[in-house]
Amino acid sequence: MEKLQKMISEKSVVIFSKNSCCMSHTIKTLFLDFGVNPTIYELDDINKGKEIEQELTQLGCSPTVPVVFIGGQLVGGANQVMSLHLNRSLFRCLSELGRYGFDKYRQIPKIYLIIKSASVGLSVINLRLGGV
């Protein structure tokens, strides 16, 4: 458990993941789209990955991947992260970590809108929010 605590506390955003997990990929992509450079531990690639996975289970993480820690605090898995994202709390939470490497004024998240047009069908428009 000591090694896990060290891994969590050394970086501002930590994601425990598996290469074979599609939800892990989704969560990693979400953070990267926010401009965050999270520390990612692929449990199926690192030494003692199984042990770390068992320790995550002891912390109450179920399923064990993906698991996200922000500022050393357990956020949870994909459901919790997506809930924060959908109610606009995730960006606020990350913005508070500005001194830890997330610059909310420089890194502006992308938002994709799908617009239905009678003559064109579906179009995807990439917008950037913010005044920078």
N, C-alpha and C. Protein backbone atom coordinates (compact mmCIF):
# COMPACT_ATOMS: atom_id res chain seq x y z
N MET A 1 0.82 -1.19 0.00
CA MET A 1 0.00 0.00 0.00
C MET A 1 0.87 1.26 0.00
N GLU A 2 2.04 1.15 0.56
CA GLU A 2 2.95 2.31 0.62
C GLU A 2 3.38 2.75 -0.78
N LYS A 3 3.68 1.78 -1.64
CA LYS A 3 4.08 2.10 -3.01
C LYS A 3 2.94 2.79 -3.75
N LEU A 4 1.71 2.31 -3.56
CA LEU A 4 0.55 2.91 -4.20
C LEU A 4 0.36 4.35 -3.73
N GLN A 5 0.47 4.58 -2.43
CA GLN A 5 0.32 5.94 -1.90
C GLN A 5 1.37 6.88 -2.48
N LYS A 6 2.58 6.39 -2.66
CA LYS A 6 3.64 7.21 -3.25
C LYS A 6 3.31 7.54 -4.70
N MET A 7 2.82 6.56 -5.45
CA MET A 7 2.46 6.78 -6.86
C MET A 7 1.36 7.83 -6.97
N ILE A 8 0.41 7.78 -6.06
CA ILE A 8 -0.73 8.70 -6.09
C ILE A 8 -0.32 10.11 -5.70
N SER A 9 0.53 10.23 -4.71
CA SER A 9 0.85 11.55 -4.16
C SER A 9 1.91 12.32 -4.94
N GLU A 10 2.68 11.65 -5.78
CA GLU A 10 3.77 12.34 -6.48
C GLU A 10 3.31 13.22 -7.63
N LYS A 11 2.15 12.96 -8.21
CA LYS A 11 1.67 13.70 -9.38
C LYS A 11 0.28 14.25 -9.10
N SER A 12 -0.08 15.32 -9.82
CA SER A 12 -1.38 15.95 -9.56
C SER A 12 -2.55 15.16 -10.12
N VAL A 13 -2.38 14.53 -11.28
CA VAL A 13 -3.45 13.71 -11.87
C VAL A 13 -2.86 12.35 -12.21
N VAL A 14 -3.42 11.30 -11.61
CA VAL A 14 -2.92 9.94 -11.81
C VAL A 14 -4.09 9.07 -12.27
N ILE A 15 -3.83 8.31 -13.33
CA ILE A 15 -4.83 7.38 -13.84
C ILE A 15 -4.24 5.98 -13.86
N PHE A 16 -4.93 5.04 -13.22
CA PHE A 16 -4.57 3.63 -13.31
C PHE A 16 -5.47 3.03 -14.38
N SER A 17 -4.85 2.34 -15.31
CA SER A 17 -5.53 1.94 -16.53
C SER A 17 -5.06 0.56 -16.97
N LYS A 18 -5.74 0.04 -17.98
CA LYS A 18 -5.27 -1.15 -18.69
C LYS A 18 -5.42 -0.89 -20.18
N ASN A 19 -4.45 -1.34 -20.94
CA ASN A 19 -4.48 -1.16 -22.39
C ASN A 19 -5.71 -1.80 -23.02
N SER A 20 -6.19 -2.87 -22.44
CA SER A 20 -7.30 -3.63 -23.02
C SER A 20 -8.68 -3.08 -22.63
N CYS A 21 -8.73 -2.02 -21.84
CA CYS A 21 -9.99 -1.50 -21.32
C CYS A 21 -10.44 -0.27 -22.12
N CYS A 22 -11.59 -0.37 -22.77
CA CYS A 22 -12.07 0.75 -23.59
C CYS A 22 -12.46 1.95 -22.73
N MET A 23 -12.96 1.74 -21.52
CA MET A 23 -13.31 2.87 -20.65
C MET A 23 -12.05 3.58 -20.18
N SER A 24 -10.97 2.84 -19.98
CA SER A 24 -9.70 3.48 -19.64
C SER A 24 -9.26 4.41 -20.75
N HIS A 25 -9.39 3.95 -21.98
CA HIS A 25 -9.02 4.77 -23.13
C HIS A 25 -9.88 6.04 -23.18
N THR A 26 -11.16 5.91 -22.92
CA THR A 26 -12.07 7.05 -22.93
C THR A 26 -11.68 8.09 -21.89
N ILE A 27 -11.39 7.64 -20.68
CA ILE A 27 -11.03 8.56 -19.60
C ILE A 27 -9.69 9.24 -19.88
N LYS A 28 -8.72 8.48 -20.38
CA LYS A 28 -7.43 9.09 -20.72
C LYS A 28 -7.61 10.16 -21.80
N THR A 29 -8.42 9.86 -22.79
CA THR A 29 -8.67 10.82 -23.88
C THR A 29 -9.35 12.07 -23.35
N LEU A 30 -10.29 11.92 -22.43
CA LEU A 30 -10.98 13.06 -21.84
C LEU A 30 -9.98 14.01 -21.17
N PHE A 31 -9.09 13.46 -20.36
CA PHE A 31 -8.11 14.30 -19.67
C PHE A 31 -7.14 14.95 -20.66
N LEU A 32 -6.72 14.21 -21.66
CA LEU A 32 -5.82 14.78 -22.66
C LEU A 32 -6.52 15.90 -23.44
N ASP A 33 -7.81 15.75 -23.72
CA ASP A 33 -8.56 16.81 -24.40
C ASP A 33 -8.68 18.06 -23.55
N PHE A 34 -8.65 17.90 -22.24
CA PHE A 34 -8.65 19.06 -21.34
C PHE A 34 -7.28 19.73 -21.28
N GLY A 35 -6.28 19.13 -21.89
CA GLY A 35 -4.94 19.69 -21.84
C GLY A 35 -4.14 19.22 -20.65
N VAL A 36 -4.67 18.24 -19.93
CA VAL A 36 -3.98 17.69 -18.77
C VAL A 36 -3.00 16.63 -19.24
N ASN A 37 -1.85 16.60 -18.62
CA ASN A 37 -0.86 15.57 -18.91
C ASN A 37 -0.81 14.63 -17.70
N PRO A 38 -1.77 13.70 -17.61
CA PRO A 38 -1.82 12.84 -16.43
C PRO A 38 -0.70 11.81 -16.42
N THR A 39 -0.36 11.37 -15.23
CA THR A 39 0.53 10.23 -15.09
C THR A 39 -0.34 8.99 -15.22
N ILE A 40 -0.01 8.14 -16.17
CA ILE A 40 -0.83 6.96 -16.45
C ILE A 40 -0.02 5.71 -16.15
N TYR A 41 -0.59 4.87 -15.32
CA TYR A 41 0.02 3.58 -15.01
C TYR A 41 -0.83 2.49 -15.67
N GLU A 42 -0.26 1.84 -16.67
CA GLU A 42 -0.95 0.73 -17.34
C GLU A 42 -0.67 -0.54 -16.54
N LEU A 43 -1.66 -0.99 -15.81
CA LEU A 43 -1.47 -2.11 -14.89
C LEU A 43 -1.12 -3.41 -15.59
N ASP A 44 -1.46 -3.53 -16.86
CA ASP A 44 -1.10 -4.75 -17.58
C ASP A 44 0.30 -4.67 -18.19
N ASP A 45 0.98 -3.54 -18.00
CA ASP A 45 2.34 -3.37 -18.54
C ASP A 45 3.42 -3.19 -17.48
N ILE A 46 3.05 -2.78 -16.27
CA ILE A 46 4.07 -2.46 -15.27
C ILE A 46 4.33 -3.63 -14.33
N ASN A 47 5.53 -3.63 -13.74
CA ASN A 47 5.85 -4.63 -12.73
C ASN A 47 4.90 -4.49 -11.55
N LYS A 48 4.48 -5.58 -11.01
CA LYS A 48 3.59 -5.62 -9.85
C LYS A 48 2.24 -4.98 -10.13
N GLY A 49 1.83 -4.98 -11.40
CA GLY A 49 0.53 -4.43 -11.77
C GLY A 49 -0.62 -5.12 -11.07
N LYS A 50 -0.53 -6.45 -10.93
CA LYS A 50 -1.58 -7.22 -10.25
C LYS A 50 -1.68 -6.82 -8.78
N GLU A 51 -0.52 -6.60 -8.14
CA GLU A 51 -0.51 -6.20 -6.73
C GLU A 51 -1.15 -4.82 -6.57
N ILE A 52 -0.82 -3.91 -7.46
CA ILE A 52 -1.40 -2.57 -7.40
C ILE A 52 -2.90 -2.63 -7.61
N GLU A 53 -3.32 -3.48 -8.53
CA GLU A 53 -4.75 -3.66 -8.79
C GLU A 53 -5.47 -4.16 -7.54
N GLN A 54 -4.86 -5.08 -6.81
CA GLN A 54 -5.45 -5.59 -5.56
C GLN A 54 -5.53 -4.48 -4.51
N GLU A 55 -4.51 -3.63 -4.45
CA GLU A 55 -4.52 -2.52 -3.50
C GLU A 55 -5.60 -1.50 -3.85
N LEU A 56 -5.82 -1.27 -5.14
CA LEU A 56 -6.90 -0.38 -5.56
C LEU A 56 -8.25 -0.94 -5.13
N THR A 57 -8.40 -2.25 -5.20
CA THR A 57 -9.63 -2.90 -4.76
C THR A 57 -9.83 -2.68 -3.26
N GLN A 58 -8.74 -2.75 -2.49
CA GLN A 58 -8.82 -2.52 -1.05
C GLN A 58 -9.23 -1.09 -0.72
N LEU A 59 -8.91 -0.15 -1.63
CA LEU A 59 -9.33 1.24 -1.44
C LEU A 59 -10.80 1.45 -1.79
N GLY A 60 -11.42 0.42 -2.33
CA GLY A 60 -12.83 0.51 -2.69
C GLY A 60 -13.09 0.75 -4.16
N CYS A 61 -12.06 0.64 -4.97
CA CYS A 61 -12.21 0.86 -6.41
C CYS A 61 -12.75 -0.40 -7.06
N SER A 62 -13.93 -0.29 -7.62
CA SER A 62 -14.53 -1.43 -8.30
C SER A 62 -15.39 -0.92 -9.44
N PRO A 63 -15.11 -1.25 -10.66
CA PRO A 63 -13.98 -2.07 -11.12
C PRO A 63 -12.66 -1.35 -10.88
N THR A 64 -11.58 -2.08 -11.02
CA THR A 64 -10.28 -1.51 -10.66
C THR A 64 -9.71 -0.57 -11.70
N VAL A 65 -10.20 -0.59 -12.92
CA VAL A 65 -9.73 0.37 -13.93
C VAL A 65 -10.91 0.88 -14.74
N PRO A 66 -10.86 2.10 -15.19
CA PRO A 66 -9.86 3.10 -14.82
C PRO A 66 -10.15 3.64 -13.42
N VAL A 67 -9.10 4.10 -12.76
CA VAL A 67 -9.22 4.77 -11.47
C VAL A 67 -8.44 6.07 -11.57
N VAL A 68 -9.07 7.17 -11.14
CA VAL A 68 -8.48 8.50 -11.27
C VAL A 68 -8.29 9.11 -9.89
N PHE A 69 -7.11 9.69 -9.69
CA PHE A 69 -6.81 10.47 -8.50
C PHE A 69 -6.44 11.88 -8.95
N ILE A 70 -7.02 12.87 -8.31
CA ILE A 70 -6.69 14.27 -8.60
C ILE A 70 -6.24 14.92 -7.31
N GLY A 71 -5.05 15.49 -7.32
CA GLY A 71 -4.51 16.11 -6.12
C GLY A 71 -4.36 15.15 -4.97
N GLY A 72 -4.07 13.89 -5.29
CA GLY A 72 -3.89 12.87 -4.26
C GLY A 72 -5.19 12.29 -3.72
N GLN A 73 -6.32 12.78 -4.20
CA GLN A 73 -7.62 12.32 -3.72
C GLN A 73 -8.27 11.40 -4.74
N LEU A 74 -8.88 10.34 -4.26
CA LEU A 74 -9.58 9.41 -5.13
C LEU A 74 -10.82 10.07 -5.70
N VAL A 75 -10.89 10.14 -7.03
CA VAL A 75 -12.09 10.63 -7.70
C VAL A 75 -13.01 9.46 -7.97
N GLY A 76 -12.43 8.36 -8.45
CA GLY A 76 -13.21 7.16 -8.72
C GLY A 76 -12.94 6.62 -10.10
N GLY A 77 -13.89 5.86 -10.59
CA GLY A 77 -13.75 5.23 -11.89
C GLY A 77 -14.42 6.05 -12.98
N ALA A 78 -14.68 5.38 -14.09
CA ALA A 78 -15.24 6.05 -15.26
C ALA A 78 -16.59 6.71 -14.95
N ASN A 79 -17.45 6.05 -14.21
CA ASN A 79 -18.77 6.62 -13.91
C ASN A 79 -18.65 7.92 -13.13
N GLN A 80 -17.79 7.95 -12.12
CA GLN A 80 -17.64 9.15 -11.31
C GLN A 80 -17.01 10.28 -12.12
N VAL A 81 -16.00 9.96 -12.92
CA VAL A 81 -15.34 10.99 -13.73
C VAL A 81 -16.31 11.57 -14.75
N MET A 82 -17.07 10.71 -15.42
CA MET A 82 -18.03 11.20 -16.41
C MET A 82 -19.14 12.02 -15.76
N SER A 83 -19.57 11.65 -14.57
CA SER A 83 -20.57 12.44 -13.85
C SER A 83 -20.04 13.83 -13.55
N LEU A 84 -18.80 13.91 -13.08
CA LEU A 84 -18.18 15.21 -12.83
C LEU A 84 -18.08 16.02 -14.12
N HIS A 85 -17.72 15.35 -15.19
CA HIS A 85 -17.59 16.03 -16.48
C HIS A 85 -18.94 16.56 -16.95
N LEU A 86 -19.98 15.76 -16.85
CA LEU A 86 -21.29 16.16 -17.35
C LEU A 86 -21.92 17.28 -16.53
N ASN A 87 -21.60 17.35 -15.24
CA ASN A 87 -22.15 18.47 -14.45
C ASN A 87 -21.16 19.63 -14.34
N ARG A 88 -20.15 19.61 -15.19
CA ARG A 88 -19.17 20.70 -15.34
C ARG A 88 -18.28 20.91 -14.11
N SER A 89 -18.16 19.91 -13.28
CA SER A 89 -17.31 20.01 -12.10
C SER A 89 -15.88 19.58 -12.37
N LEU A 90 -15.67 18.72 -13.35
CA LEU A 90 -14.33 18.20 -13.61
C LEU A 90 -13.38 19.31 -14.02
N PHE A 91 -13.80 20.17 -14.93
CA PHE A 91 -12.93 21.26 -15.39
C PHE A 91 -12.60 22.20 -14.23
N ARG A 92 -13.60 22.50 -13.38
CA ARG A 92 -13.36 23.35 -12.21
C ARG A 92 -12.35 22.70 -11.28
N CYS A 93 -12.51 21.42 -11.06
CA CYS A 93 -11.60 20.67 -10.18
C CYS A 93 -10.17 20.72 -10.72
N LEU A 94 -10.03 20.52 -12.02
CA LEU A 94 -8.71 20.56 -12.64
C LEU A 94 -8.13 21.97 -12.66
N SER A 95 -8.99 22.97 -12.82
CA SER A 95 -8.53 24.36 -12.85
C SER A 95 -7.88 24.75 -11.53
N GLU A 96 -8.37 24.19 -10.44
CA GLU A 96 -7.81 24.48 -9.13
C GLU A 96 -6.40 23.92 -8.98
N LEU A 97 -6.00 23.03 -9.88
CA LEU A 97 -4.66 22.45 -9.84
C LEU A 97 -3.67 23.25 -10.67
N GLY A 98 -4.00 24.48 -11.04
CA GLY A 98 -3.14 25.30 -11.89
C GLY A 98 -1.69 25.31 -11.46
N ARG A 99 -1.46 25.40 -10.19
CA ARG A 99 -0.08 25.44 -9.70
C ARG A 99 0.62 24.08 -9.85
N TYR A 100 -0.15 23.04 -10.17
CA TYR A 100 0.42 21.71 -10.35
C TYR A 100 0.59 21.32 -11.80
N GLY A 101 0.43 22.27 -12.70
CA GLY A 101 0.70 21.95 -14.10
C GLY A 101 -0.48 22.06 -15.03
N PHE A 102 -1.64 22.43 -14.54
CA PHE A 102 -2.79 22.59 -15.42
C PHE A 102 -3.10 24.07 -15.52
N ASP A 103 -2.85 24.65 -16.67
CA ASP A 103 -3.05 26.07 -16.89
C ASP A 103 -4.38 26.29 -17.59
N LYS A 104 -5.39 26.71 -16.85
CA LYS A 104 -6.73 26.82 -17.43
C LYS A 104 -6.83 27.91 -18.48
N TYR A 105 -5.89 28.85 -18.48
CA TYR A 105 -5.96 29.92 -19.47
C TYR A 105 -5.25 29.56 -20.76
N ARG A 106 -4.36 28.61 -20.70
CA ARG A 106 -3.60 28.20 -21.88
C ARG A 106 -4.22 26.98 -22.53
N GLN A 107 -4.73 26.09 -21.74
CA GLN A 107 -5.32 24.85 -22.25
C GLN A 107 -6.83 24.99 -22.28
N ILE A 108 -7.38 25.16 -23.45
CA ILE A 108 -8.81 25.36 -23.61
C ILE A 108 -9.43 24.08 -24.14
N PRO A 109 -10.44 23.54 -23.46
CA PRO A 109 -11.00 22.27 -23.90
C PRO A 109 -11.75 22.39 -25.21
N LYS A 110 -11.79 21.29 -25.92
CA LYS A 110 -12.54 21.22 -27.17
C LYS A 110 -13.95 20.73 -26.86
N ILE A 111 -14.89 21.28 -27.57
CA ILE A 111 -16.26 20.80 -27.47
C ILE A 111 -16.72 20.48 -28.88
N TYR A 112 -17.29 19.33 -29.04
CA TYR A 112 -17.78 18.91 -30.35
C TYR A 112 -19.31 18.96 -30.35
N LEU A 113 -19.85 19.66 -31.31
CA LEU A 113 -21.30 19.75 -31.45
C LEU A 113 -21.72 19.04 -32.72
N ILE A 114 -22.80 18.31 -32.64
CA ILE A 114 -23.36 17.69 -33.84
C ILE A 114 -24.60 18.49 -34.21
N ILE A 115 -24.60 19.01 -35.41
CA ILE A 115 -25.70 19.85 -35.87
C ILE A 115 -26.38 19.17 -37.04
N LYS A 116 -27.69 19.08 -36.97
CA LYS A 116 -28.44 18.46 -38.05
C LYS A 116 -28.97 19.56 -38.97
N SER A 117 -28.68 19.40 -40.23
CA SER A 117 -29.12 20.36 -41.23
C SER A 117 -29.96 19.62 -42.26
N ALA A 118 -31.04 20.24 -42.71
CA ALA A 118 -31.94 19.59 -43.67
C ALA A 118 -31.25 19.30 -44.99
N SER A 119 -30.37 20.19 -45.42
CA SER A 119 -29.75 20.00 -46.73
C SER A 119 -28.43 19.23 -46.66
N VAL A 120 -27.75 19.26 -45.53
CA VAL A 120 -26.41 18.68 -45.44
C VAL A 120 -26.41 17.35 -44.70
N GLY A 121 -27.38 17.12 -43.85
CA GLY A 121 -27.34 15.92 -43.01
C GLY A 121 -26.68 16.26 -41.69
N LEU A 122 -25.74 15.43 -41.26
CA LEU A 122 -25.04 15.68 -40.01
C LEU A 122 -23.69 16.31 -40.28
N SER A 123 -23.36 17.32 -39.50
CA SER A 123 -22.05 17.96 -39.59
C SER A 123 -21.47 18.00 -38.19
N VAL A 124 -20.18 17.86 -38.07
CA VAL A 124 -19.50 17.98 -36.79
C VAL A 124 -18.69 19.25 -36.81
N ILE A 125 -18.92 20.09 -35.81
CA ILE A 125 -18.22 21.36 -35.73
C ILE A 125 -17.37 21.34 -34.47
N ASN A 126 -16.11 21.70 -34.61
CA ASN A 126 -15.17 21.73 -33.50
C ASN A 126 -15.07 23.18 -33.03
N LEU A 127 -15.50 23.46 -31.79
CA LEU A 127 -15.45 24.80 -31.24
C LEU A 127 -14.44 24.86 -30.12
N ARG A 128 -13.86 26.02 -29.91
CA ARG A 128 -12.99 26.24 -28.76
C ARG A 128 -13.66 27.28 -27.88
N LEU A 129 -13.70 27.03 -26.59
CA LEU A 129 -14.27 27.97 -25.64
C LEU A 129 -13.17 28.80 -25.02
N GLY A 130 -13.52 29.98 -24.57
CA GLY A 130 -12.55 30.81 -23.87
C GLY A 130 -12.19 32.04 -24.67
N GLY A 131 -11.52 32.95 -24.01
CA GLY A 131 -11.19 34.21 -24.66
C GLY A 131 -9.73 34.36 -24.99
N VAL A 132 -9.01 33.28 -25.12
CA VAL A 132 -7.58 33.38 -25.40
C VAL A 132 -7.32 33.10 -26.85
